[in-house]
Amino acid sequence: MILRPLLKFLLFHLPRLLFQVAGLLRVINRGKRAFRKGLKAEGLPEEVVEELVKEFDPLEGVNLRELMNPTRKLRER
């Protein structure tokens, strides 16, 4: 009885969720590369470019491993 919902989750829902997360990360990284390329095209120094890219990074301070493994947070408490 419980096998069917588990297989449905593993075969349909989990891969879809993982592909959606991968797509979001791909879009974020593509935007970051385009932003860096645009700043370099304007002639800004490399140090300024790196600082601006870090400042506007939407994933700054987010550890993706912690997000993908919520059980680790429960064990630490």
PDB file of N, CA and C in Angstrom:
ATOM      1  N   MET A   1       0.803  -1.196   0.000  1.00  0.00           N
ATOM      2  CA  MET A   1       0.000   0.000   0.000  1.00  0.00           C
ATOM      3  C   MET A   1       0.850   1.266   0.000  1.00  0.00           C
ATOM      4  N   ILE A   2       1.868   1.307   0.851  1.00  0.00           N
ATOM      5  CA  ILE A   2       2.686   2.511   0.951  1.00  0.00           C
ATOM      6  C   ILE A   2       3.750   2.571  -0.151  1.00  0.00           C
ATOM      7  N   LEU A   3       3.942   1.474  -0.835  1.00  0.00           N
ATOM      8  CA  LEU A   3       4.962   1.413  -1.876  1.00  0.00           C
ATOM      9  C   LEU A   3       4.608   2.291  -3.077  1.00  0.00           C
ATOM     10  N   ARG A   4       3.352   2.311  -3.456  1.00  0.00           N
ATOM     11  CA  ARG A   4       2.934   3.077  -4.639  1.00  0.00           C
ATOM     12  C   ARG A   4       3.175   4.591  -4.480  1.00  0.00           C
ATOM     13  N   PRO A   5       2.766   5.222  -3.356  1.00  0.00           N
ATOM     14  CA  PRO A   5       3.050   6.657  -3.197  1.00  0.00           C
ATOM     15  C   PRO A   5       4.552   6.955  -3.133  1.00  0.00           C
ATOM     16  N   LEU A   6       5.307   6.055  -2.526  1.00  0.00           N
ATOM     17  CA  LEU A   6       6.749   6.246  -2.446  1.00  0.00           C
ATOM     18  C   LEU A   6       7.384   6.208  -3.835  1.00  0.00           C
ATOM     19  N   LEU A   7       7.001   5.237  -4.630  1.00  0.00           N
ATOM     20  CA  LEU A   7       7.526   5.156  -5.995  1.00  0.00           C
ATOM     21  C   LEU A   7       7.100   6.363  -6.830  1.00  0.00           C
ATOM     22  N   LYS A   8       5.867   6.808  -6.645  1.00  0.00           N
ATOM     23  CA  LYS A   8       5.395   7.986  -7.368  1.00  0.00           C
ATOM     24  C   LYS A   8       6.236   9.209  -7.010  1.00  0.00           C
ATOM     25  N   PHE A   9       6.539   9.361  -5.729  1.00  0.00           N
ATOM     26  CA  PHE A   9       7.379  10.480  -5.306  1.00  0.00           C
ATOM     27  C   PHE A   9       8.776  10.375  -5.893  1.00  0.00           C
ATOM     28  N   LEU A  10       9.385   9.189  -5.781  1.00  0.00           N
ATOM     29  CA  LEU A  10      10.766   9.010  -6.243  1.00  0.00           C
ATOM     30  C   LEU A  10      10.897   9.118  -7.760  1.00  0.00           C
ATOM     31  N   LEU A  11       9.899   8.679  -8.504  1.00  0.00           N
ATOM     32  CA  LEU A  11      10.009   8.652  -9.954  1.00  0.00           C
ATOM     33  C   LEU A  11       9.469   9.902 -10.642  1.00  0.00           C
ATOM     34  N   PHE A  12       8.548  10.622 -10.016  1.00  0.00           N
ATOM     35  CA  PHE A  12       7.924  11.767 -10.673  1.00  0.00           C
ATOM     36  C   PHE A  12       8.213  13.094  -9.972  1.00  0.00           C
ATOM     37  N   HIS A  13       7.960  13.169  -8.689  1.00  0.00           N
ATOM     38  CA  HIS A  13       8.035  14.449  -7.996  1.00  0.00           C
ATOM     39  C   HIS A  13       9.468  14.865  -7.668  1.00  0.00           C
ATOM     40  N   LEU A  14      10.272  13.964  -7.193  1.00  0.00           N
ATOM     41  CA  LEU A  14      11.643  14.304  -6.826  1.00  0.00           C
ATOM     42  C   LEU A  14      12.472  14.756  -8.031  1.00  0.00           C
ATOM     43  N   PRO A  15      12.469  14.037  -9.151  1.00  0.00           N
ATOM     44  CA  PRO A  15      13.229  14.534 -10.308  1.00  0.00           C
ATOM     45  C   PRO A  15      12.742  15.895 -10.805  1.00  0.00           C
ATOM     46  N   ARG A  16      11.436  16.117 -10.792  1.00  0.00           N
ATOM     47  CA  ARG A  16      10.907  17.405 -11.225  1.00  0.00           C
ATOM     48  C   ARG A  16      11.401  18.524 -10.308  1.00  0.00           C
ATOM     49  N   LEU A  17      11.366  18.286  -9.014  1.00  0.00           N
ATOM     50  CA  LEU A  17      11.832  19.276  -8.054  1.00  0.00           C
ATOM     51  C   LEU A  17      13.319  19.575  -8.243  1.00  0.00           C
ATOM     52  N   LEU A  18      14.111  18.534  -8.437  1.00  0.00           N
ATOM     53  CA  LEU A  18      15.551  18.726  -8.617  1.00  0.00           C
ATOM     54  C   LEU A  18      15.865  19.477  -9.911  1.00  0.00           C
ATOM     55  N   PHE A  19      15.120  19.201 -10.977  1.00  0.00           N
ATOM     56  CA  PHE A  19      15.333  19.931 -12.223  1.00  0.00           C
ATOM     57  C   PHE A  19      14.937  21.397 -12.077  1.00  0.00           C
ATOM     58  N   GLN A  20      13.897  21.680 -11.303  1.00  0.00           N
ATOM     59  CA  GLN A  20      13.497  23.068 -11.080  1.00  0.00           C
ATOM     60  C   GLN A  20      14.563  23.822 -10.301  1.00  0.00           C
ATOM     61  N   VAL A  21      15.133  23.210  -9.283  1.00  0.00           N
ATOM     62  CA  VAL A  21      16.207  23.837  -8.504  1.00  0.00           C
ATOM     63  C   VAL A  21      17.425  24.065  -9.391  1.00  0.00           C
ATOM     64  N   ALA A  22      17.773  23.069 -10.199  1.00  0.00           N
ATOM     65  CA  ALA A  22      18.921  23.221 -11.098  1.00  0.00           C
ATOM     66  C   ALA A  22      18.679  24.342 -12.098  1.00  0.00           C
ATOM     67  N   GLY A  23      17.451  24.480 -12.586  1.00  0.00           N
ATOM     68  CA  GLY A  23      17.133  25.555 -13.513  1.00  0.00           C
ATOM     69  C   GLY A  23      17.254  26.922 -12.864  1.00  0.00           C
ATOM     70  N   LEU A  24      16.817  27.046 -11.621  1.00  0.00           N
ATOM     71  CA  LEU A  24      16.953  28.317 -10.908  1.00  0.00           C
ATOM     72  C   LEU A  24      18.424  28.690 -10.724  1.00  0.00           C
ATOM     73  N   LEU A  25      19.226  27.711 -10.335  1.00  0.00           N
ATOM     74  CA  LEU A  25      20.652  27.984 -10.146  1.00  0.00           C
ATOM     75  C   LEU A  25      21.308  28.360 -11.469  1.00  0.00           C
ATOM     76  N   ARG A  26      20.899  27.725 -12.552  1.00  0.00           N
ATOM     77  CA  ARG A  26      21.454  28.041 -13.868  1.00  0.00           C
ATOM     78  C   ARG A  26      21.132  29.477 -14.267  1.00  0.00           C
ATOM     79  N   VAL A  27      19.910  29.905 -14.031  1.00  0.00           N
ATOM     80  CA  VAL A  27      19.508  31.271 -14.371  1.00  0.00           C
ATOM     81  C   VAL A  27      20.268  32.284 -13.524  1.00  0.00           C
ATOM     82  N   ILE A  28      20.424  31.998 -12.234  1.00  0.00           N
ATOM     83  CA  ILE A  28      21.151  32.910 -11.349  1.00  0.00           C
ATOM     84  C   ILE A  28      22.597  33.027 -11.789  1.00  0.00           C
ATOM     85  N   ASN A  29      23.231  31.904 -12.093  1.00  0.00           N
ATOM     86  CA  ASN A  29      24.636  31.939 -12.513  1.00  0.00           C
ATOM     87  C   ASN A  29      24.802  32.634 -13.860  1.00  0.00           C
ATOM     88  N   ARG A  30      23.858  32.439 -14.762  1.00  0.00           N
ATOM     89  CA  ARG A  30      23.922  33.108 -16.062  1.00  0.00           C
ATOM     90  C   ARG A  30      23.820  34.628 -15.888  1.00  0.00           C
ATOM     91  N   GLY A  31      22.925  35.055 -15.014  1.00  0.00           N
ATOM     92  CA  GLY A  31      22.789  36.486 -14.743  1.00  0.00           C
ATOM     93  C   GLY A  31      24.031  37.061 -14.105  1.00  0.00           C
ATOM     94  N   LYS A  32      24.650  36.301 -13.219  1.00  0.00           N
ATOM     95  CA  LYS A  32      25.871  36.764 -12.565  1.00  0.00           C
ATOM     96  C   LYS A  32      27.004  36.920 -13.583  1.00  0.00           C
ATOM     97  N   ARG A  33      27.109  35.962 -14.509  1.00  0.00           N
ATOM     98  CA  ARG A  33      28.146  36.064 -15.545  1.00  0.00           C
ATOM     99  C   ARG A  33      27.897  37.253 -16.461  1.00  0.00           C
ATOM    100  N   ALA A  34      26.640  37.486 -16.834  1.00  0.00           N
ATOM    101  CA  ALA A  34      26.311  38.614 -17.703  1.00  0.00           C
ATOM    102  C   ALA A  34      26.579  39.938 -16.997  1.00  0.00           C
ATOM    103  N   PHE A  35      26.270  40.010 -15.712  1.00  0.00           N
ATOM    104  CA  PHE A  35      26.522  41.215 -14.926  1.00  0.00           C
ATOM    105  C   PHE A  35      28.023  41.494 -14.861  1.00  0.00           C
ATOM    106  N   ARG A  36      28.810  40.448 -14.600  1.00  0.00           N
ATOM    107  CA  ARG A  36      30.264  40.598 -14.531  1.00  0.00           C
ATOM    108  C   ARG A  36      30.821  41.046 -15.892  1.00  0.00           C
ATOM    109  N   LYS A  37      30.322  40.453 -16.961  1.00  0.00           N
ATOM    110  CA  LYS A  37      30.785  40.800 -18.308  1.00  0.00           C
ATOM    111  C   LYS A  37      30.441  42.256 -18.639  1.00  0.00           C
ATOM    112  N   GLY A  38      29.246  42.703 -18.248  1.00  0.00           N
ATOM    113  CA  GLY A  38      28.849  44.083 -18.492  1.00  0.00           C
ATOM    114  C   GLY A  38      29.693  45.069 -17.715  1.00  0.00           C
ATOM    115  N   LEU A  39      30.023  44.733 -16.477  1.00  0.00           N
ATOM    116  CA  LEU A  39      30.873  45.624 -15.684  1.00  0.00           C
ATOM    117  C   LEU A  39      32.275  45.712 -16.266  1.00  0.00           C
ATOM    118  N   LYS A  40      32.802  44.587 -16.732  1.00  0.00           N
ATOM    119  CA  LYS A  40      34.134  44.604 -17.354  1.00  0.00           C
ATOM    120  C   LYS A  40      34.118  45.391 -18.658  1.00  0.00           C
ATOM    121  N   ALA A  41      33.014  45.322 -19.396  1.00  0.00           N
ATOM    122  CA  ALA A  41      32.899  46.066 -20.651  1.00  0.00           C
ATOM    123  C   ALA A  41      32.888  47.572 -20.405  1.00  0.00           C
ATOM    124  N   GLU A  42      32.430  47.975 -19.235  1.00  0.00           N
ATOM    125  CA  GLU A  42      32.436  49.402 -18.879  1.00  0.00           C
ATOM    126  C   GLU A  42      33.816  49.885 -18.454  1.00  0.00           C
ATOM    127  N   GLY A  43      34.756  48.973 -18.303  1.00  0.00           N
ATOM    128  CA  GLY A  43      36.123  49.359 -17.987  1.00  0.00           C
ATOM    129  C   GLY A  43      36.417  49.479 -16.498  1.00  0.00           C
ATOM    130  N   LEU A  44      35.605  48.872 -15.669  1.00  0.00           N
ATOM    131  CA  LEU A  44      35.843  48.924 -14.229  1.00  0.00           C
ATOM    132  C   LEU A  44      36.996  47.995 -13.848  1.00  0.00           C
ATOM    133  N   PRO A  45      37.754  48.342 -12.815  1.00  0.00           N
ATOM    134  CA  PRO A  45      38.830  47.455 -12.359  1.00  0.00           C
ATOM    135  C   PRO A  45      38.283  46.134 -11.831  1.00  0.00           C
ATOM    136  N   GLU A  46      39.113  45.114 -11.895  1.00  0.00           N
ATOM    137  CA  GLU A  46      38.702  43.764 -11.505  1.00  0.00           C
ATOM    138  C   GLU A  46      38.244  43.701 -10.040  1.00  0.00           C
ATOM    139  N   GLU A  47      38.912  44.430  -9.149  1.00  0.00           N
ATOM    140  CA  GLU A  47      38.533  44.416  -7.736  1.00  0.00           C
ATOM    141  C   GLU A  47      37.131  44.978  -7.542  1.00  0.00           C
ATOM    142  N   VAL A  48      36.813  46.049  -8.260  1.00  0.00           N
ATOM    143  CA  VAL A  48      35.494  46.674  -8.155  1.00  0.00           C
ATOM    144  C   VAL A  48      34.433  45.727  -8.729  1.00  0.00           C
ATOM    145  N   VAL A  49      34.753  45.090  -9.834  1.00  0.00           N
ATOM    146  CA  VAL A  49      33.812  44.151 -10.452  1.00  0.00           C
ATOM    147  C   VAL A  49      33.488  43.019  -9.482  1.00  0.00           C
ATOM    148  N   GLU A  50      34.505  42.432  -8.876  1.00  0.00           N
ATOM    149  CA  GLU A  50      34.283  41.319  -7.953  1.00  0.00           C
ATOM    150  C   GLU A  50      33.462  41.756  -6.738  1.00  0.00           C
ATOM    151  N   GLU A  51      33.738  42.959  -6.234  1.00  0.00           N
ATOM    152  CA  GLU A  51      32.995  43.455  -5.075  1.00  0.00           C
ATOM    153  C   GLU A  51      31.529  43.702  -5.419  1.00  0.00           C
ATOM    154  N   LEU A  52      31.265  44.256  -6.592  1.00  0.00           N
ATOM    155  CA  LEU A  52      29.887  44.496  -7.008  1.00  0.00           C
ATOM    156  C   LEU A  52      29.139  43.190  -7.257  1.00  0.00           C
ATOM    157  N   VAL A  53      29.824  42.210  -7.839  1.00  0.00           N
ATOM    158  CA  VAL A  53      29.186  40.913  -8.075  1.00  0.00           C
ATOM    159  C   VAL A  53      28.837  40.260  -6.744  1.00  0.00           C
ATOM    160  N   LYS A  54      29.725  40.349  -5.755  1.00  0.00           N
ATOM    161  CA  LYS A  54      29.436  39.795  -4.435  1.00  0.00           C
ATOM    162  C   LYS A  54      28.285  40.542  -3.767  1.00  0.00           C
ATOM    163  N   GLU A  55      28.245  41.858  -3.938  1.00  0.00           N
ATOM    164  CA  GLU A  55      27.211  42.680  -3.306  1.00  0.00           C
ATOM    165  C   GLU A  55      25.812  42.346  -3.826  1.00  0.00           C
ATOM    166  N   PHE A  56      25.692  42.090  -5.115  1.00  0.00           N
ATOM    167  CA  PHE A  56      24.396  41.833  -5.719  1.00  0.00           C
ATOM    168  C   PHE A  56      24.100  40.348  -5.933  1.00  0.00           C
ATOM    169  N   ASP A  57      24.867  39.477  -5.295  1.00  0.00           N
ATOM    170  CA  ASP A  57      24.659  38.028  -5.415  1.00  0.00           C
ATOM    171  C   ASP A  57      23.422  37.613  -4.617  1.00  0.00           C
ATOM    172  N   PRO A  58      22.393  37.047  -5.277  1.00  0.00           N
ATOM    173  CA  PRO A  58      21.180  36.661  -4.541  1.00  0.00           C
ATOM    174  C   PRO A  58      21.386  35.456  -3.624  1.00  0.00           C
ATOM    175  N   LEU A  59      22.434  34.687  -3.852  1.00  0.00           N
ATOM    176  CA  LEU A  59      22.693  33.512  -3.016  1.00  0.00           C
ATOM    177  C   LEU A  59      23.777  33.755  -1.977  1.00  0.00           C
ATOM    178  N   GLU A  60      24.104  35.021  -1.737  1.00  0.00           N
ATOM    179  CA  GLU A  60      25.144  35.338  -0.766  1.00  0.00           C
ATOM    180  C   GLU A  60      24.699  34.900   0.630  1.00  0.00           C
ATOM    181  N   GLY A  61      25.533  34.160   1.292  1.00  0.00           N
ATOM    182  CA  GLY A  61      25.234  33.707   2.641  1.00  0.00           C
ATOM    183  C   GLY A  61      24.319  32.493   2.707  1.00  0.00           C
ATOM    184  N   VAL A  62      23.945  31.937   1.578  1.00  0.00           N
ATOM    185  CA  VAL A  62      23.069  30.766   1.559  1.00  0.00           C
ATOM    186  C   VAL A  62      23.922  29.542   1.257  1.00  0.00           C
ATOM    187  N   ASN A  63      23.891  28.592   2.161  1.00  0.00           N
ATOM    188  CA  ASN A  63      24.614  27.354   1.948  1.00  0.00           C
ATOM    189  C   ASN A  63      23.633  26.339   1.363  1.00  0.00           C
ATOM    190  N   LEU A  64      23.820  25.983   0.101  1.00  0.00           N
ATOM    191  CA  LEU A  64      22.883  25.099  -0.577  1.00  0.00           C
ATOM    192  C   LEU A  64      22.875  23.699   0.023  1.00  0.00           C
ATOM    193  N   ARG A  65      23.981  23.269   0.577  1.00  0.00           N
ATOM    194  CA  ARG A  65      24.021  21.946   1.208  1.00  0.00           C
ATOM    195  C   ARG A  65      23.107  21.884   2.427  1.00  0.00           C
ATOM    196  N   GLU A  66      23.051  22.990   3.187  1.00  0.00           N
ATOM    197  CA  GLU A  66      22.165  23.015   4.345  1.00  0.00           C
ATOM    198  C   GLU A  66      20.704  23.026   3.905  1.00  0.00           C
ATOM    199  N   LEU A  67      20.415  23.707   2.809  1.00  0.00           N
ATOM    200  CA  LEU A  67      19.044  23.743   2.324  1.00  0.00           C
ATOM    201  C   LEU A  67      18.577  22.381   1.834  1.00  0.00           C
ATOM    202  N   MET A  68      19.474  21.635   1.223  1.00  0.00           N
ATOM    203  CA  MET A  68      19.099  20.348   0.647  1.00  0.00           C
ATOM    204  C   MET A  68      19.103  19.215   1.677  1.00  0.00           C
ATOM    205  N   ASN A  69      19.662  19.448   2.874  1.00  0.00           N
ATOM    206  CA  ASN A  69      19.708  18.414   3.898  1.00  0.00           C
ATOM    207  C   ASN A  69      19.124  18.963   5.200  1.00  0.00           C
ATOM    208  N   PRO A  70      17.796  19.024   5.308  1.00  0.00           N
ATOM    209  CA  PRO A  70      17.191  19.590   6.515  1.00  0.00           C
ATOM    210  C   PRO A  70      17.360  18.709   7.749  1.00  0.00           C
ATOM    211  N   THR A  71      17.681  17.440   7.588  1.00  0.00           N
ATOM    212  CA  THR A  71      17.834  16.563   8.748  1.00  0.00           C
ATOM    213  C   THR A  71      19.072  16.923   9.552  1.00  0.00           C
ATOM    214  N   ARG A  72      20.078  17.504   8.901  1.00  0.00           N
ATOM    215  CA  ARG A  72      21.289  17.902   9.606  1.00  0.00           C
ATOM    216  C   ARG A  72      20.969  18.970  10.644  1.00  0.00           C
ATOM    217  N   LYS A  73      20.084  19.902  10.318  1.00  0.00           N
ATOM    218  CA  LYS A  73      19.701  20.949  11.257  1.00  0.00           C
ATOM    219  C   LYS A  73      19.003  20.352  12.468  1.00  0.00           C
ATOM    220  N   LEU A  74      18.194  19.319  12.253  1.00  0.00           N
ATOM    221  CA  LEU A  74      17.487  18.707  13.359  1.00  0.00           C
ATOM    222  C   LEU A  74      18.452  17.972  14.303  1.00  0.00           C
ATOM    223  N   ARG A  75      19.473  17.365  13.726  1.00  0.00           N
ATOM    224  CA  ARG A  75      20.439  16.629  14.562  1.00  0.00           C
ATOM    225  C   ARG A  75      21.308  17.570  15.390  1.00  0.00           C
ATOM    226  N   GLU A  76      21.566  18.793  14.892  1.00  0.00           N
ATOM    227  CA  GLU A  76      22.422  19.734  15.598  1.00  0.00           C
ATOM    228  C   GLU A  76      21.748  20.316  16.833  1.00  0.00           C
ATOM    229  N   ARG A  77      20.430  20.311  16.867  1.00  0.00           N
ATOM    230  CA  ARG A  77      19.702  20.920  18.007  1.00  0.00           C
ATOM    231  C   ARG A  77      19.802  20.108  19.234  1.00  0.00           C
TER     232      ARG A  77
END
